[in-house]
Amino acid sequence: MTDTWGIPGPVFAGLYLALLLLTALVALVRLALLARGHAGGAPKRAEELALLTGGRLRAAEVVVARLLDQQVIRLDGTGRVSRVKGSAIDALDRAALEKVGKHGSAVDRVRAAVAEHPELRELETALAG
């Protein structure tokens, strides 16, 4: 029998095992790095997660839902929201409450106003870049 590619059998087996172990080691290191992730990877606010999953309109829905949950606004059966009590936590909440006003507004109009708010655009830009 002749040598494999001109390499004696024991040397070939040693090189083969060394390269096999090196491949396994690289795979393990890569897997460990992927499992660890990177800092800052998780969204810090509900609006960030909404922007990542559904865009600005979804983030605006989160703002309206938060105000409904905190009972700052109320939703009637016709799709209009009206202000009940309390105040806004941040600029997006204030934008929603400004659109609701004293006499109420349609949910879609409130959502559209919040979706076009500059702070939401800045948040979207920060997540993209």
N, C-alpha and C. Protein backbone atom coordinates (compact mmCIF):
# COMPACT_ATOMS: atom_id res chain seq x y z
N MET A 1 0.84 -1.16 0.00
CA MET A 1 0.00 0.00 0.00
C MET A 1 0.89 1.23 0.00
N THR A 2 0.45 2.28 -0.68
CA THR A 2 1.27 3.49 -0.76
C THR A 2 0.78 4.51 0.24
N ASP A 3 1.61 5.52 0.45
CA ASP A 3 1.24 6.60 1.37
C ASP A 3 0.14 7.47 0.76
N THR A 4 -0.73 7.98 1.64
CA THR A 4 -1.81 8.86 1.19
C THR A 4 -1.22 10.21 0.81
N TRP A 5 -1.37 10.59 -0.44
CA TRP A 5 -0.86 11.86 -0.99
C TRP A 5 0.62 12.06 -0.68
N GLY A 6 1.34 10.98 -0.59
CA GLY A 6 2.77 11.06 -0.32
C GLY A 6 3.10 11.32 1.13
N ILE A 7 2.12 11.19 2.02
CA ILE A 7 2.34 11.43 3.45
C ILE A 7 2.25 10.08 4.15
N PRO A 8 3.24 9.76 4.98
CA PRO A 8 3.17 8.48 5.70
C PRO A 8 1.91 8.39 6.56
N GLY A 9 1.39 7.19 6.77
CA GLY A 9 0.15 6.95 7.49
C GLY A 9 0.06 7.61 8.85
N PRO A 10 1.04 7.43 9.76
CA PRO A 10 0.93 8.05 11.08
C PRO A 10 0.92 9.58 11.02
N VAL A 11 1.68 10.17 10.11
CA VAL A 11 1.70 11.63 9.97
C VAL A 11 0.36 12.12 9.44
N PHE A 12 -0.19 11.40 8.44
CA PHE A 12 -1.49 11.77 7.89
C PHE A 12 -2.57 11.69 8.98
N ALA A 13 -2.57 10.63 9.77
CA ALA A 13 -3.57 10.48 10.83
C ALA A 13 -3.42 11.60 11.86
N GLY A 14 -2.20 11.96 12.21
CA GLY A 14 -1.97 13.05 13.17
C GLY A 14 -2.47 14.38 12.64
N LEU A 15 -2.16 14.68 11.37
CA LEU A 15 -2.64 15.93 10.76
C LEU A 15 -4.17 15.94 10.67
N TYR A 16 -4.73 14.81 10.29
CA TYR A 16 -6.19 14.71 10.17
C TYR A 16 -6.86 14.96 11.52
N LEU A 17 -6.37 14.34 12.58
CA LEU A 17 -6.94 14.53 13.91
C LEU A 17 -6.74 15.96 14.41
N ALA A 18 -5.57 16.55 14.13
CA ALA A 18 -5.30 17.93 14.56
C ALA A 18 -6.26 18.90 13.89
N LEU A 19 -6.48 18.73 12.59
CA LEU A 19 -7.41 19.62 11.88
C LEU A 19 -8.85 19.38 12.32
N LEU A 20 -9.19 18.15 12.64
CA LEU A 20 -10.52 17.85 13.14
C LEU A 20 -10.75 18.51 14.49
N LEU A 21 -9.76 18.44 15.38
CA LEU A 21 -9.87 19.09 16.69
C LEU A 21 -9.91 20.61 16.55
N LEU A 22 -9.12 21.16 15.63
CA LEU A 22 -9.11 22.60 15.41
C LEU A 22 -10.49 23.08 14.93
N THR A 23 -11.10 22.32 14.04
CA THR A 23 -12.44 22.66 13.55
C THR A 23 -13.46 22.63 14.68
N ALA A 24 -13.39 21.61 15.53
CA ALA A 24 -14.30 21.50 16.66
C ALA A 24 -14.09 22.65 17.64
N LEU A 25 -12.84 23.03 17.88
CA LEU A 25 -12.53 24.14 18.79
C LEU A 25 -13.08 25.46 18.24
N VAL A 26 -12.90 25.71 16.97
CA VAL A 26 -13.42 26.93 16.36
C VAL A 26 -14.95 26.96 16.46
N ALA A 27 -15.59 25.82 16.24
CA ALA A 27 -17.05 25.76 16.35
C ALA A 27 -17.51 26.04 17.77
N LEU A 28 -16.81 25.51 18.76
CA LEU A 28 -17.18 25.75 20.16
C LEU A 28 -17.00 27.21 20.54
N VAL A 29 -15.91 27.83 20.11
CA VAL A 29 -15.66 29.24 20.42
C VAL A 29 -16.73 30.10 19.77
N ARG A 30 -17.06 29.80 18.53
CA ARG A 30 -18.09 30.58 17.83
C ARG A 30 -19.45 30.41 18.50
N LEU A 31 -19.77 29.21 18.91
CA LEU A 31 -21.03 28.96 19.59
C LEU A 31 -21.09 29.71 20.92
N ALA A 32 -19.99 29.74 21.64
CA ALA A 32 -19.95 30.47 22.91
C ALA A 32 -20.14 31.97 22.68
N LEU A 33 -19.52 32.51 21.64
CA LEU A 33 -19.68 33.94 21.33
C LEU A 33 -21.12 34.26 20.92
N LEU A 34 -21.73 33.39 20.16
CA LEU A 34 -23.12 33.62 19.75
C LEU A 34 -24.07 33.52 20.93
N ALA A 35 -23.81 32.58 21.83
CA ALA A 35 -24.68 32.42 23.00
C ALA A 35 -24.56 33.60 23.95
N ARG A 36 -23.38 34.19 24.02
CA ARG A 36 -23.18 35.32 24.92
C ARG A 36 -23.87 36.56 24.41
N GLY A 37 -23.95 36.72 23.12
CA GLY A 37 -24.59 37.90 22.55
C GLY A 37 -23.69 39.12 22.68
N HIS A 38 -24.28 40.29 22.50
CA HIS A 38 -23.52 41.52 22.64
C HIS A 38 -24.30 42.50 23.51
N ALA A 39 -23.58 43.38 24.14
CA ALA A 39 -24.19 44.32 25.08
C ALA A 39 -25.17 45.23 24.35
N GLY A 40 -26.26 45.55 25.02
CA GLY A 40 -27.23 46.48 24.46
C GLY A 40 -28.13 45.86 23.42
N GLY A 41 -28.19 44.55 23.35
CA GLY A 41 -28.97 43.90 22.32
C GLY A 41 -30.47 43.89 22.57
N ALA A 42 -30.87 43.95 23.81
CA ALA A 42 -32.30 43.85 24.13
C ALA A 42 -32.92 45.24 24.19
N PRO A 43 -34.13 45.39 23.67
CA PRO A 43 -34.81 46.69 23.78
C PRO A 43 -35.04 47.08 25.23
N LYS A 44 -34.86 48.36 25.52
CA LYS A 44 -35.01 48.85 26.90
C LYS A 44 -36.43 49.32 27.19
N ARG A 45 -37.15 49.72 26.15
CA ARG A 45 -38.51 50.24 26.32
C ARG A 45 -39.46 49.46 25.42
N ALA A 46 -40.71 49.48 25.78
CA ALA A 46 -41.73 48.80 24.96
C ALA A 46 -41.81 49.42 23.57
N GLU A 47 -41.59 50.74 23.49
CA GLU A 47 -41.65 51.41 22.19
C GLU A 47 -40.55 50.90 21.26
N GLU A 48 -39.37 50.59 21.81
CA GLU A 48 -38.29 50.07 20.99
C GLU A 48 -38.66 48.72 20.39
N LEU A 49 -39.20 47.85 21.22
CA LEU A 49 -39.62 46.54 20.72
C LEU A 49 -40.72 46.69 19.67
N ALA A 50 -41.65 47.60 19.90
CA ALA A 50 -42.73 47.82 18.94
C ALA A 50 -42.18 48.36 17.62
N LEU A 51 -41.20 49.27 17.69
CA LEU A 51 -40.58 49.78 16.47
C LEU A 51 -39.91 48.67 15.69
N LEU A 52 -39.23 47.78 16.40
CA LEU A 52 -38.52 46.70 15.73
C LEU A 52 -39.47 45.67 15.12
N THR A 53 -40.62 45.48 15.72
CA THR A 53 -41.53 44.45 15.23
C THR A 53 -42.59 44.97 14.27
N GLY A 54 -42.97 46.24 14.40
CA GLY A 54 -44.08 46.72 13.57
C GLY A 54 -43.97 48.14 13.08
N GLY A 55 -42.87 48.80 13.35
CA GLY A 55 -42.71 50.16 12.88
C GLY A 55 -43.33 51.21 13.79
N ARG A 56 -43.41 52.44 13.25
CA ARG A 56 -43.88 53.57 14.07
C ARG A 56 -45.34 53.45 14.47
N LEU A 57 -46.18 52.91 13.60
CA LEU A 57 -47.59 52.77 13.96
C LEU A 57 -47.77 51.79 15.12
N ARG A 58 -46.98 50.73 15.13
CA ARG A 58 -47.07 49.78 16.25
C ARG A 58 -46.58 50.43 17.54
N ALA A 59 -45.53 51.24 17.45
CA ALA A 59 -45.04 51.94 18.64
C ALA A 59 -46.09 52.93 19.14
N ALA A 60 -46.79 53.58 18.22
CA ALA A 60 -47.86 54.50 18.63
C ALA A 60 -49.00 53.74 19.31
N GLU A 61 -49.29 52.54 18.84
CA GLU A 61 -50.31 51.72 19.49
C GLU A 61 -49.89 51.36 20.92
N VAL A 62 -48.60 51.13 21.12
CA VAL A 62 -48.10 50.84 22.47
C VAL A 62 -48.32 52.03 23.39
N VAL A 63 -48.08 53.23 22.88
CA VAL A 63 -48.29 54.44 23.68
C VAL A 63 -49.76 54.56 24.06
N VAL A 64 -50.65 54.38 23.09
CA VAL A 64 -52.09 54.47 23.37
C VAL A 64 -52.50 53.37 24.35
N ALA A 65 -51.99 52.17 24.16
CA ALA A 65 -52.34 51.06 25.06
C ALA A 65 -51.85 51.34 26.48
N ARG A 66 -50.66 51.94 26.61
CA ARG A 66 -50.15 52.27 27.94
C ARG A 66 -51.05 53.30 28.62
N LEU A 67 -51.48 54.31 27.88
CA LEU A 67 -52.37 55.32 28.45
C LEU A 67 -53.72 54.72 28.83
N LEU A 68 -54.20 53.78 28.03
CA LEU A 68 -55.45 53.09 28.38
C LEU A 68 -55.26 52.24 29.64
N ASP A 69 -54.13 51.55 29.72
CA ASP A 69 -53.85 50.70 30.88
C ASP A 69 -53.72 51.52 32.16
N GLN A 70 -53.13 52.70 32.05
CA GLN A 70 -52.97 53.57 33.22
C GLN A 70 -54.24 54.37 33.50
N GLN A 71 -55.26 54.17 32.69
CA GLN A 71 -56.55 54.84 32.80
C GLN A 71 -56.43 56.36 32.72
N VAL A 72 -55.49 56.80 31.90
CA VAL A 72 -55.36 58.23 31.62
C VAL A 72 -56.35 58.62 30.53
N ILE A 73 -56.61 57.69 29.62
CA ILE A 73 -57.62 57.90 28.58
C ILE A 73 -58.61 56.73 28.62
N ARG A 74 -59.76 56.95 27.99
CA ARG A 74 -60.81 55.93 27.95
C ARG A 74 -61.23 55.75 26.49
N LEU A 75 -61.55 54.53 26.12
CA LEU A 75 -61.98 54.21 24.76
C LEU A 75 -63.47 53.89 24.79
N ASP A 76 -64.24 54.57 23.91
CA ASP A 76 -65.67 54.25 23.86
C ASP A 76 -65.93 53.25 22.73
N GLY A 77 -67.16 52.89 22.54
CA GLY A 77 -67.53 51.87 21.56
C GLY A 77 -67.42 52.31 20.12
N THR A 78 -67.25 53.61 19.88
CA THR A 78 -67.17 54.11 18.50
C THR A 78 -65.74 54.29 18.03
N GLY A 79 -64.76 53.95 18.86
CA GLY A 79 -63.37 54.10 18.46
C GLY A 79 -62.78 55.45 18.80
N ARG A 80 -63.42 56.17 19.69
CA ARG A 80 -62.90 57.46 20.13
C ARG A 80 -62.33 57.33 21.53
N VAL A 81 -61.26 58.07 21.78
CA VAL A 81 -60.67 58.10 23.12
C VAL A 81 -60.90 59.48 23.71
N SER A 82 -61.05 59.51 25.01
CA SER A 82 -61.20 60.78 25.72
C SER A 82 -60.34 60.72 26.97
N ARG A 83 -59.93 61.89 27.39
CA ARG A 83 -59.05 61.99 28.55
C ARG A 83 -59.87 61.83 29.83
N VAL A 84 -59.31 61.09 30.79
CA VAL A 84 -60.00 60.85 32.04
C VAL A 84 -59.31 61.58 33.17
N LYS A 85 -58.06 61.23 33.43
CA LYS A 85 -57.32 61.82 34.55
C LYS A 85 -55.84 61.58 34.32
N GLY A 86 -55.03 62.11 35.19
CA GLY A 86 -53.60 61.85 35.15
C GLY A 86 -52.86 62.69 34.14
N SER A 87 -51.57 62.42 34.08
CA SER A 87 -50.71 63.20 33.18
C SER A 87 -49.79 62.26 32.41
N ALA A 88 -49.08 62.84 31.47
CA ALA A 88 -48.19 62.08 30.61
C ALA A 88 -46.85 61.81 31.29
N ILE A 89 -46.27 60.67 30.96
CA ILE A 89 -44.96 60.31 31.51
C ILE A 89 -43.84 60.88 30.66
N ASP A 90 -43.97 60.80 29.35
CA ASP A 90 -42.90 61.25 28.46
C ASP A 90 -43.50 62.03 27.29
N ALA A 91 -42.64 62.40 26.36
CA ALA A 91 -43.06 63.23 25.24
C ALA A 91 -44.07 62.52 24.33
N LEU A 92 -43.93 61.22 24.17
CA LEU A 92 -44.88 60.48 23.33
C LEU A 92 -46.26 60.45 23.97
N ASP A 93 -46.31 60.27 25.28
CA ASP A 93 -47.59 60.32 25.98
C ASP A 93 -48.21 61.70 25.86
N ARG A 94 -47.38 62.74 25.99
CA ARG A 94 -47.89 64.11 25.87
C ARG A 94 -48.45 64.37 24.47
N ALA A 95 -47.77 63.83 23.45
CA ALA A 95 -48.26 64.00 22.08
C ALA A 95 -49.62 63.33 21.91
N ALA A 96 -49.78 62.16 22.50
CA ALA A 96 -51.07 61.47 22.42
C ALA A 96 -52.15 62.26 23.14
N LEU A 97 -51.83 62.76 24.33
CA LEU A 97 -52.83 63.51 25.10
C LEU A 97 -53.18 64.83 24.43
N GLU A 98 -52.21 65.46 23.77
CA GLU A 98 -52.51 66.70 23.03
C GLU A 98 -53.49 66.41 21.89
N LYS A 99 -53.30 65.29 21.22
CA LYS A 99 -54.20 64.95 20.11
C LYS A 99 -55.59 64.58 20.63
N VAL A 100 -55.66 63.95 21.80
CA VAL A 100 -56.96 63.63 22.40
C VAL A 100 -57.70 64.91 22.74
N GLY A 101 -56.99 65.86 23.33
CA GLY A 101 -57.58 67.15 23.67
C GLY A 101 -58.66 67.04 24.72
N LYS A 102 -59.48 68.08 24.81
CA LYS A 102 -60.55 68.13 25.82
C LYS A 102 -61.79 67.37 25.39
N HIS A 103 -62.00 67.26 24.07
CA HIS A 103 -63.25 66.69 23.58
C HIS A 103 -63.08 65.30 22.98
N GLY A 104 -61.89 64.75 23.04
CA GLY A 104 -61.65 63.41 22.52
C GLY A 104 -61.26 63.41 21.06
N SER A 105 -60.83 62.26 20.60
CA SER A 105 -60.40 62.10 19.22
C SER A 105 -60.47 60.62 18.85
N ALA A 106 -60.44 60.35 17.57
CA ALA A 106 -60.44 58.96 17.10
C ALA A 106 -59.09 58.32 17.41
N VAL A 107 -59.12 57.04 17.72
CA VAL A 107 -57.89 56.32 18.05
C VAL A 107 -56.90 56.39 16.90
N ASP A 108 -57.38 56.26 15.67
CA ASP A 108 -56.48 56.30 14.51
C ASP A 108 -55.77 57.63 14.38
N ARG A 109 -56.45 58.72 14.70
CA ARG A 109 -55.81 60.04 14.63
C ARG A 109 -54.75 60.19 15.71
N VAL A 110 -55.04 59.69 16.90
CA VAL A 110 -54.06 59.75 17.99
C VAL A 110 -52.84 58.92 17.62
N ARG A 111 -53.10 57.73 17.10
CA ARG A 111 -52.00 56.84 16.71
C ARG A 111 -51.15 57.48 15.61
N ALA A 112 -51.78 58.10 14.64
CA ALA A 112 -51.03 58.75 13.55
C ALA A 112 -50.21 59.92 14.06
N ALA A 113 -50.76 60.69 15.00
CA ALA A 113 -50.02 61.83 15.55
C ALA A 113 -48.79 61.37 16.32
N VAL A 114 -48.93 60.31 17.09
CA VAL A 114 -47.79 59.80 17.85
C VAL A 114 -46.76 59.19 16.90
N ALA A 115 -47.22 58.52 15.85
CA ALA A 115 -46.30 57.89 14.89
C ALA A 115 -45.43 58.92 14.19
N GLU A 116 -45.92 60.14 14.02
CA GLU A 116 -45.16 61.19 13.34
C GLU A 116 -44.39 62.08 14.30
N HIS A 117 -44.41 61.77 15.57
CA HIS A 117 -43.74 62.61 16.56
C HIS A 117 -42.22 62.52 16.37
N PRO A 118 -41.50 63.66 16.50
CA PRO A 118 -40.05 63.66 16.30
C PRO A 118 -39.28 62.71 17.24
N GLU A 119 -39.74 62.55 18.47
CA GLU A 119 -39.03 61.66 19.39
C GLU A 119 -39.09 60.21 18.91
N LEU A 120 -40.20 59.82 18.34
CA LEU A 120 -40.33 58.46 17.83
C LEU A 120 -39.44 58.27 16.61
N ARG A 121 -39.34 59.30 15.78
CA ARG A 121 -38.43 59.23 14.63
C ARG A 121 -36.97 59.12 15.09
N GLU A 122 -36.61 59.87 16.14
CA GLU A 122 -35.25 59.79 16.68
C GLU A 122 -34.97 58.41 17.24
N LEU A 123 -35.93 57.84 17.93
CA LEU A 123 -35.77 56.50 18.49
C LEU A 123 -35.60 55.48 17.37
N GLU A 124 -36.36 55.64 16.30
CA GLU A 124 -36.25 54.75 15.15
C GLU A 124 -34.87 54.86 14.50
N THR A 125 -34.38 56.08 14.37
CA THR A 125 -33.05 56.30 13.79
C THR A 125 -31.97 55.70 14.68
N ALA A 126 -32.10 55.85 15.99
CA ALA A 126 -31.11 55.29 16.91
C ALA A 126 -31.09 53.77 16.84
N LEU A 127 -32.24 53.15 16.69
CA LEU A 127 -32.28 51.69 16.59
C LEU A 127 -31.71 51.20 15.26
N ALA A 128 -31.92 51.97 14.21
CA ALA A 128 -31.43 51.56 12.89
C ALA A 128 -29.93 51.76 12.75
N GLY A 129 -29.40 52.73 13.45
CA GLY A 129 -27.98 53.03 13.26
C GLY A 129 -27.21 52.71 14.44
